[in-house]
Amino acid sequence: MNPEQPKHIPHGVTLEMILARLVEQYGWEELGKRIVIKCFTNDPSIKSSLKFLRRTPWARKRVEDLYLSSVNENPRA
């Protein structure tokens, strides 16, 4: 990847897919440590987290940034 090329979420990858992958990779507890938001630390679920992330741009950006860094570290086939 060209270092000057901006990182971006591939077309077709939804927020739900991103969150599911992060939960699979890190689990809710570790995800809540990496991104400290209540929807990850207090009775977490995909549904409640998606609702919060869709209304909260700064939190969504942090989730997307973590996803991008995790994809670059551990790409799937």
Protein backbone atom coordinates (compact mmCIF):
# COMPACT_ATOMS: atom_id res chain seq x y z
CA MET A 1 0.00 0.00 0.00
CA ASN A 2 1.31 3.42 -0.91
CA PRO A 3 1.97 5.36 2.34
CA GLU A 4 0.41 8.48 0.82
CA GLN A 5 -2.75 6.65 -0.22
CA PRO A 6 -5.55 7.19 2.33
CA LYS A 7 -6.95 4.17 4.14
CA HIS A 8 -10.61 3.48 3.49
CA ILE A 9 -13.30 0.94 4.16
CA PRO A 10 -13.75 -1.28 1.10
CA HIS A 11 -16.99 -0.82 -0.82
CA GLY A 12 -19.72 -3.14 0.39
CA VAL A 13 -18.38 -3.56 3.92
CA THR A 14 -21.14 -2.49 6.29
CA LEU A 15 -20.84 -1.13 9.81
CA GLU A 16 -22.47 -4.34 11.04
CA MET A 17 -19.80 -6.42 9.27
CA ILE A 18 -17.06 -4.24 10.76
CA LEU A 19 -18.45 -4.56 14.27
CA ALA A 20 -18.97 -8.32 13.96
CA ARG A 21 -15.37 -8.79 12.85
CA LEU A 22 -14.03 -6.68 15.70
CA VAL A 23 -16.13 -8.58 18.25
CA GLU A 24 -14.94 -11.88 16.77
CA GLN A 25 -11.31 -10.76 16.82
CA TYR A 26 -11.18 -8.97 20.19
CA GLY A 27 -14.34 -9.90 22.11
CA TRP A 28 -16.53 -7.31 23.84
CA GLU A 29 -14.25 -6.91 26.87
CA GLU A 30 -11.13 -6.11 24.85
CA LEU A 31 -13.11 -3.98 22.40
CA GLY A 32 -14.42 -1.97 25.35
CA LYS A 33 -10.84 -1.43 26.53
CA ARG A 34 -9.64 -0.31 23.11
CA ILE A 35 -12.63 1.99 22.49
CA VAL A 36 -14.12 3.06 25.80
CA ILE A 37 -17.79 3.58 25.08
CA LYS A 38 -20.68 2.36 27.17
CA CYS A 39 -22.30 0.28 24.43
CA PHE A 40 -19.18 -1.94 24.43
CA THR A 41 -18.79 -2.20 28.21
CA ASN A 42 -22.34 -2.28 29.63
CA ASP A 43 -24.47 -5.20 28.42
CA PRO A 44 -23.06 -5.05 24.86
CA SER A 45 -24.86 -6.29 21.78
CA ILE A 46 -24.46 -5.78 18.06
CA LYS A 47 -27.92 -4.17 17.83
CA SER A 48 -27.41 -1.59 20.59
CA SER A 49 -23.88 -0.82 19.44
CA LEU A 50 -24.99 -0.25 15.86
CA LYS A 51 -27.72 2.12 17.02
CA PHE A 52 -25.19 4.17 19.00
CA LEU A 53 -22.49 4.13 16.30
CA ARG A 54 -24.90 5.24 13.58
CA ARG A 55 -25.82 8.32 15.64
CA THR A 56 -22.31 9.13 16.92
CA PRO A 57 -19.79 10.03 14.20
CA TRP A 58 -16.72 10.24 16.49
CA ALA A 59 -17.36 6.74 17.87
CA ARG A 60 -18.02 5.30 14.42
CA LYS A 61 -14.73 6.78 13.20
CA ARG A 62 -12.84 5.13 16.06
CA VAL A 63 -14.46 1.77 15.24
CA GLU A 64 -13.64 2.15 11.54
CA ASP A 65 -10.05 3.14 12.35
CA LEU A 66 -9.62 0.09 14.59
CA TYR A 67 -11.09 -2.10 11.86
CA LEU A 68 -8.69 -0.70 9.27
CA SER A 69 -5.68 -1.22 11.51
CA SER A 70 -6.81 -4.77 12.35
CA VAL A 71 -7.36 -5.61 8.68
CA ASN A 72 -3.88 -4.35 7.82
CA GLU A 73 -2.37 -6.43 10.65
CA ASN A 74 -4.43 -9.60 10.12
CA PRO A 75 -5.85 -9.77 6.59
CA ARG A 76 -8.31 -12.56 5.88
CA ALA A 77 -8.34 -14.58 2.72
